[in-house]
C-alpha atoms as a PDB file:
ATOM      1  CA  MET A   1     -22.333 -31.432 -46.772  1.00  0.00           C
ATOM      2  CA  ASP A   2     -23.173 -27.521 -46.025  1.00  0.00           C
ATOM      3  CA  LYS A   3     -19.800 -25.822 -45.370  1.00  0.00           C
ATOM      4  CA  ARG A   4     -21.178 -22.509 -44.964  1.00  0.00           C
ATOM      5  CA  THR A   5     -20.252 -20.095 -41.887  1.00  0.00           C
ATOM      6  CA  ASP A   6     -22.883 -20.583 -39.213  1.00  0.00           C
ATOM      7  CA  LYS A   7     -25.186 -17.775 -38.535  1.00  0.00           C
ATOM      8  CA  ILE A   8     -23.443 -16.151 -35.777  1.00  0.00           C
ATOM      9  CA  ASN A   9     -20.282 -16.165 -36.970  1.00  0.00           C
ATOM     10  CA  TYR A  10     -21.486 -14.761 -39.860  1.00  0.00           C
ATOM     11  CA  TYR A  11     -23.473 -11.542 -38.331  1.00  0.00           C
ATOM     12  CA  LEU A  12     -20.153 -11.490 -36.008  1.00  0.00           C
ATOM     13  CA  ASP A  13     -18.204 -11.242 -39.330  1.00  0.00           C
ATOM     14  CA  ILE A  14     -20.310  -8.348 -40.525  1.00  0.00           C
ATOM     15  CA  ALA A  15     -19.757  -6.790 -37.127  1.00  0.00           C
ATOM     16  CA  ALA A  16     -16.214  -6.939 -38.001  1.00  0.00           C
ATOM     17  CA  SER A  17     -16.658  -5.427 -41.107  1.00  0.00           C
ATOM     18  CA  VAL A  18     -17.926  -2.551 -39.365  1.00  0.00           C
ATOM     19  CA  LEU A  19     -15.610  -1.957 -36.607  1.00  0.00           C
ATOM     20  CA  GLN A  20     -13.044  -1.116 -39.679  1.00  0.00           C
ATOM     21  CA  ARG A  21     -15.010   2.335 -39.702  1.00  0.00           C
ATOM     22  CA  SER A  22     -13.759   3.184 -36.136  1.00  0.00           C
ATOM     23  CA  THR A  23     -11.551   5.778 -35.286  1.00  0.00           C
ATOM     24  CA  CYS A  24     -10.462   5.163 -31.751  1.00  0.00           C
ATOM     25  CA  LEU A  25      -6.637   4.466 -31.510  1.00  0.00           C
ATOM     26  CA  ARG A  26      -7.170   2.249 -29.124  1.00  0.00           C
ATOM     27  CA  ARG A  27      -9.859  -0.304 -29.357  1.00  0.00           C
ATOM     28  CA  GLN A  28     -12.144  -1.032 -32.210  1.00  0.00           C
ATOM     29  CA  TYR A  29     -15.553  -2.194 -31.823  1.00  0.00           C
ATOM     30  CA  GLY A  30     -18.316  -3.236 -34.742  1.00  0.00           C
ATOM     31  CA  ALA A  31     -21.928  -3.715 -33.564  1.00  0.00           C
ATOM     32  CA  ILE A  32     -24.989  -4.969 -35.616  1.00  0.00           C
ATOM     33  CA  ILE A  33     -28.699  -5.540 -34.192  1.00  0.00           C
ATOM     34  CA  VAL A  34     -30.211  -8.366 -36.278  1.00  0.00           C
ATOM     35  CA  ARG A  35     -34.248  -9.217 -35.624  1.00  0.00           C
ATOM     36  CA  ASN A  36     -35.887 -12.037 -37.767  1.00  0.00           C
ATOM     37  CA  ASP A  37     -32.452 -12.374 -39.564  1.00  0.00           C
ATOM     38  CA  GLU A  38     -32.526  -8.703 -40.777  1.00  0.00           C
ATOM     39  CA  ILE A  39     -30.088  -6.378 -40.141  1.00  0.00           C
ATOM     40  CA  ILE A  40     -31.714  -3.158 -38.647  1.00  0.00           C
ATOM     41  CA  SER A  41     -28.849  -1.015 -38.110  1.00  0.00           C
ATOM     42  CA  THR A  42     -25.162  -1.238 -37.465  1.00  0.00           C
ATOM     43  CA  GLY A  43     -22.648   1.058 -35.308  1.00  0.00           C
ATOM     44  CA  TYR A  44     -19.010   1.747 -34.724  1.00  0.00           C
ATOM     45  CA  ASN A  45     -17.180   3.756 -32.265  1.00  0.00           C
ATOM     46  CA  GLY A  46     -15.924   7.108 -32.989  1.00  0.00           C
ATOM     47  CA  ALA A  47     -16.660  10.774 -32.232  1.00  0.00           C
ATOM     48  CA  PRO A  48     -19.687  12.259 -32.600  1.00  0.00           C
ATOM     49  CA  ARG A  49     -20.987  13.717 -35.883  1.00  0.00           C
ATOM     50  CA  GLY A  50     -18.945  16.585 -36.855  1.00  0.00           C
ATOM     51  CA  ARG A  51     -16.501  16.536 -34.089  1.00  0.00           C
ATOM     52  CA  LYS A  52     -13.189  15.662 -35.002  1.00  0.00           C
ATOM     53  CA  ASN A  53     -12.038  11.795 -34.237  1.00  0.00           C
ATOM     54  CA  CYS A  54      -9.175  10.695 -32.404  1.00  0.00           C
ATOM     55  CA  SER A  55      -7.605   9.305 -35.569  1.00  0.00           C
ATOM     56  CA  ASP A  56      -7.809  12.684 -36.975  1.00  0.00           C
ATOM     57  CA  CYS A  57      -6.268  14.419 -33.915  1.00  0.00           C
ATOM     58  CA  GLY A  58      -3.685  11.618 -33.887  1.00  0.00           C
ATOM     59  CA  ARG A  59      -3.903  11.220 -30.109  1.00  0.00           C
ATOM     60  CA  CYS A  60      -6.167   9.412 -27.543  1.00  0.00           C
ATOM     61  CA  ALA A  61      -6.446  11.099 -24.099  1.00  0.00           C
ATOM     62  CA  ARG A  62      -7.261   8.298 -22.173  1.00  0.00           C
ATOM     63  CA  GLU A  63      -3.945   6.563 -23.684  1.00  0.00           C
ATOM     64  CA  GLU A  64      -2.009   9.704 -22.690  1.00  0.00           C
ATOM     65  CA  LEU A  65      -3.296   9.839 -19.423  1.00  0.00           C
ATOM     66  CA  ARG A  66      -2.291   5.942 -18.898  1.00  0.00           C
ATOM     67  CA  ILE A  67      -6.582   5.239 -17.930  1.00  0.00           C
ATOM     68  CA  PRO A  68      -7.104   1.684 -17.877  1.00  0.00           C
ATOM     69  CA  SER A  69      -9.810  -0.041 -20.078  1.00  0.00           C
ATOM     70  CA  GLY A  70     -13.396   0.475 -19.014  1.00  0.00           C
ATOM     71  CA  GLU A  71     -12.688   3.617 -17.013  1.00  0.00           C
ATOM     72  CA  ARG A  72     -13.223   7.100 -17.307  1.00  0.00           C
ATOM     73  CA  TYR A  73     -15.411   6.743 -20.184  1.00  0.00           C
ATOM     74  CA  GLU A  74     -16.502  10.814 -20.090  1.00  0.00           C
ATOM     75  CA  LEU A  75     -12.680  11.911 -21.170  1.00  0.00           C
ATOM     76  CA  CYS A  76     -13.313   9.778 -24.303  1.00  0.00           C
ATOM     77  CA  ARG A  77     -14.236  11.318 -27.821  1.00  0.00           C
ATOM     78  CA  SER A  78     -15.945   8.106 -28.721  1.00  0.00           C
ATOM     79  CA  VAL A  79     -19.881   7.007 -28.946  1.00  0.00           C
ATOM     80  CA  HIS A  80     -19.548   3.550 -28.498  1.00  0.00           C
ATOM     81  CA  ALA A  81     -20.370   1.342 -31.508  1.00  0.00           C
ATOM     82  CA  GLU A  82     -23.783  -0.358 -29.455  1.00  0.00           C
ATOM     83  CA  ALA A  83     -24.860   3.079 -28.546  1.00  0.00           C
ATOM     84  CA  ASN A  84     -24.307   4.186 -32.608  1.00  0.00           C
ATOM     85  CA  ALA A  85     -26.268   1.176 -33.654  1.00  0.00           C
ATOM     86  CA  ILE A  86     -29.038   1.999 -31.042  1.00  0.00           C
ATOM     87  CA  ILE A  87     -29.276   5.246 -32.225  1.00  0.00           C
ATOM     88  CA  SER A  88     -29.680   4.711 -35.991  1.00  0.00           C
ATOM     89  CA  ALA A  89     -32.733   2.274 -35.030  1.00  0.00           C
ATOM     90  CA  SER A  90     -36.375   2.017 -34.121  1.00  0.00           C
ATOM     91  CA  ARG A  91     -37.035   0.588 -30.719  1.00  0.00           C
ATOM     92  CA  ARG A  92     -39.771  -1.367 -32.427  1.00  0.00           C
ATOM     93  CA  ASP A  93     -37.679  -2.427 -34.842  1.00  0.00           C
ATOM     94  CA  MET A  94     -35.125  -3.899 -32.036  1.00  0.00           C
ATOM     95  CA  LEU A  95     -37.580  -5.551 -29.839  1.00  0.00           C
ATOM     96  CA  GLY A  96     -36.588  -8.887 -29.275  1.00  0.00           C
ATOM     97  CA  GLY A  97     -33.443  -8.715 -31.721  1.00  0.00           C
ATOM     98  CA  THR A  98     -29.706  -9.610 -31.063  1.00  0.00           C
ATOM     99  CA  LEU A  99     -26.847  -6.775 -30.674  1.00  0.00           C
ATOM    100  CA  TYR A 100     -23.551  -8.752 -32.420  1.00  0.00           C
ATOM    101  CA  LEU A 101     -20.391  -7.049 -31.001  1.00  0.00           C
ATOM    102  CA  VAL A 102     -16.763  -7.221 -32.016  1.00  0.00           C
ATOM    103  CA  GLY A 103     -13.605  -5.639 -30.753  1.00  0.00           C
ATOM    104  CA  ARG A 104     -10.401  -5.492 -31.698  1.00  0.00           C
ATOM    105  CA  ASP A 105      -6.994  -4.270 -30.452  1.00  0.00           C
ATOM    106  CA  ALA A 106      -6.125  -1.139 -32.272  1.00  0.00           C
ATOM    107  CA  GLN A 107      -2.529  -1.485 -32.520  1.00  0.00           C
ATOM    108  CA  THR A 108      -2.459  -5.304 -33.227  1.00  0.00           C
ATOM    109  CA  GLY A 109      -5.950  -5.709 -34.862  1.00  0.00           C
ATOM    110  CA  GLU A 110      -6.213  -8.895 -32.642  1.00  0.00           C
ATOM    111  CA  TYR A 111     -10.044  -9.940 -31.471  1.00  0.00           C
ATOM    112  CA  LEU A 112     -10.450  -8.483 -27.539  1.00  0.00           C
ATOM    113  CA  THR A 113     -11.260 -11.935 -25.517  1.00  0.00           C
ATOM    114  CA  THR A 114     -12.731  -9.610 -23.266  1.00  0.00           C
ATOM    115  CA  THR A 115     -15.562  -8.106 -25.284  1.00  0.00           C
ATOM    116  CA  THR A 116     -18.594  -7.176 -23.889  1.00  0.00           C
ATOM    117  CA  PRO A 117     -20.619  -3.922 -23.507  1.00  0.00           C
ATOM    118  CA  CYS A 118     -19.657  -1.102 -20.651  1.00  0.00           C
ATOM    119  CA  SER A 119     -22.134  -0.367 -18.083  1.00  0.00           C
ATOM    120  CA  MET A 120     -23.617   2.297 -20.048  1.00  0.00           C
ATOM    121  CA  CYS A 121     -24.529   0.419 -22.944  1.00  0.00           C
ATOM    122  CA  ARG A 122     -25.736  -2.591 -21.075  1.00  0.00           C
ATOM    123  CA  ARG A 123     -28.456  -0.099 -19.982  1.00  0.00           C
ATOM    124  CA  LEU A 124     -29.186   1.378 -23.173  1.00  0.00           C
ATOM    125  CA  ILE A 125     -29.490  -2.415 -24.615  1.00  0.00           C
ATOM    126  CA  ILE A 126     -32.223  -2.928 -21.795  1.00  0.00           C
ATOM    127  CA  ASN A 127     -33.820   0.053 -22.750  1.00  0.00           C
ATOM    128  CA  SER A 128     -34.020  -0.746 -26.450  1.00  0.00           C
ATOM    129  CA  GLY A 129     -35.505  -4.141 -26.167  1.00  0.00           C
ATOM    130  CA  ILE A 130     -32.960  -6.293 -27.468  1.00  0.00           C
ATOM    131  CA  GLU A 131     -33.084  -9.655 -26.020  1.00  0.00           C
ATOM    132  CA  THR A 132     -29.412 -11.001 -26.443  1.00  0.00           C
ATOM    133  CA  VAL A 133     -25.909  -9.848 -27.011  1.00  0.00           C
ATOM    134  CA  VAL A 134     -22.945 -11.783 -28.758  1.00  0.00           C
ATOM    135  CA  CYS A 135     -19.737 -10.792 -28.218  1.00  0.00           C
ATOM    136  CA  ARG A 136     -16.827 -12.009 -30.268  1.00  0.00           C
ATOM    137  CA  THR A 137     -14.189 -13.782 -27.971  1.00  0.00           C
ATOM    138  CA  GLY A 138     -11.573 -15.050 -30.753  1.00  0.00           C
ATOM    139  CA  ALA A 139     -11.651 -16.051 -34.434  1.00  0.00           C
ATOM    140  CA  ASP A 140     -14.569 -18.488 -34.190  1.00  0.00           C
ATOM    141  CA  SER A 141     -15.302 -18.233 -30.473  1.00  0.00           C
ATOM    142  CA  TYR A 142     -18.435 -15.837 -28.647  1.00  0.00           C
ATOM    143  CA  ASP A 143     -20.054 -15.466 -25.820  1.00  0.00           C
ATOM    144  CA  VAL A 144     -23.913 -15.352 -25.789  1.00  0.00           C
ATOM    145  CA  VAL A 145     -25.983 -13.248 -23.144  1.00  0.00           C
ATOM    146  CA  PRO A 146     -29.329 -13.099 -22.728  1.00  0.00           C
ATOM    147  CA  VAL A 147     -30.254  -9.441 -21.994  1.00  0.00           C
ATOM    148  CA  SER A 148     -32.300 -10.508 -18.991  1.00  0.00           C
ATOM    149  CA  GLU A 149     -29.387 -11.574 -16.826  1.00  0.00           C
ATOM    150  CA  TRP A 150     -28.225  -7.902 -16.607  1.00  0.00           C
ATOM    151  CA  ILE A 151     -31.673  -6.655 -15.630  1.00  0.00           C
ATOM    152  CA  GLU A 152     -31.854  -9.608 -12.902  1.00  0.00           C
ATOM    153  CA  ASN A 153     -28.638  -9.198 -11.298  1.00  0.00           C
ATOM    154  CA  ASP A 154     -29.067  -5.737 -11.322  1.00  0.00           C
ATOM    155  CA  ASP A 155     -25.662  -5.293  -8.748  1.00  0.00           C
ATOM    156  CA  THR A 156     -23.674  -5.668 -12.332  1.00  0.00           C
ATOM    157  CA  ILE A 157     -24.125  -1.978 -13.793  1.00  0.00           C
END
């Protein structure tokens, strides 16, 4: 009997490894883009290249201002994991691919049960040609979202 990890959790586990590079003091995310069983790119949330990360500064402006999760992203120093993965890949390589996304609370290390791309990242994902997004919601649980849902339900973003 095959006791290997199933393919989806295998890729989610890799995204969970990627998030360990995150420099966010609030939420840590890791993303990978896969097409035809080949990893195209990876990304984690952190400041743009050459700029100081929140972990370097020792502070999070959004935490200090008590801004709820999902609001006022313009005050955040980080580029999102999904955006960094997309930036690192060619569109022709992402067409028809799948983005795997994992989030953890930076303080507790627990998986975020509500992991989903923000509205800006959803727009990037749509334009990249990625077909499916898989978000980890627990140790072995996940949501699978066809990107076409975000296109058809335009009011959601």
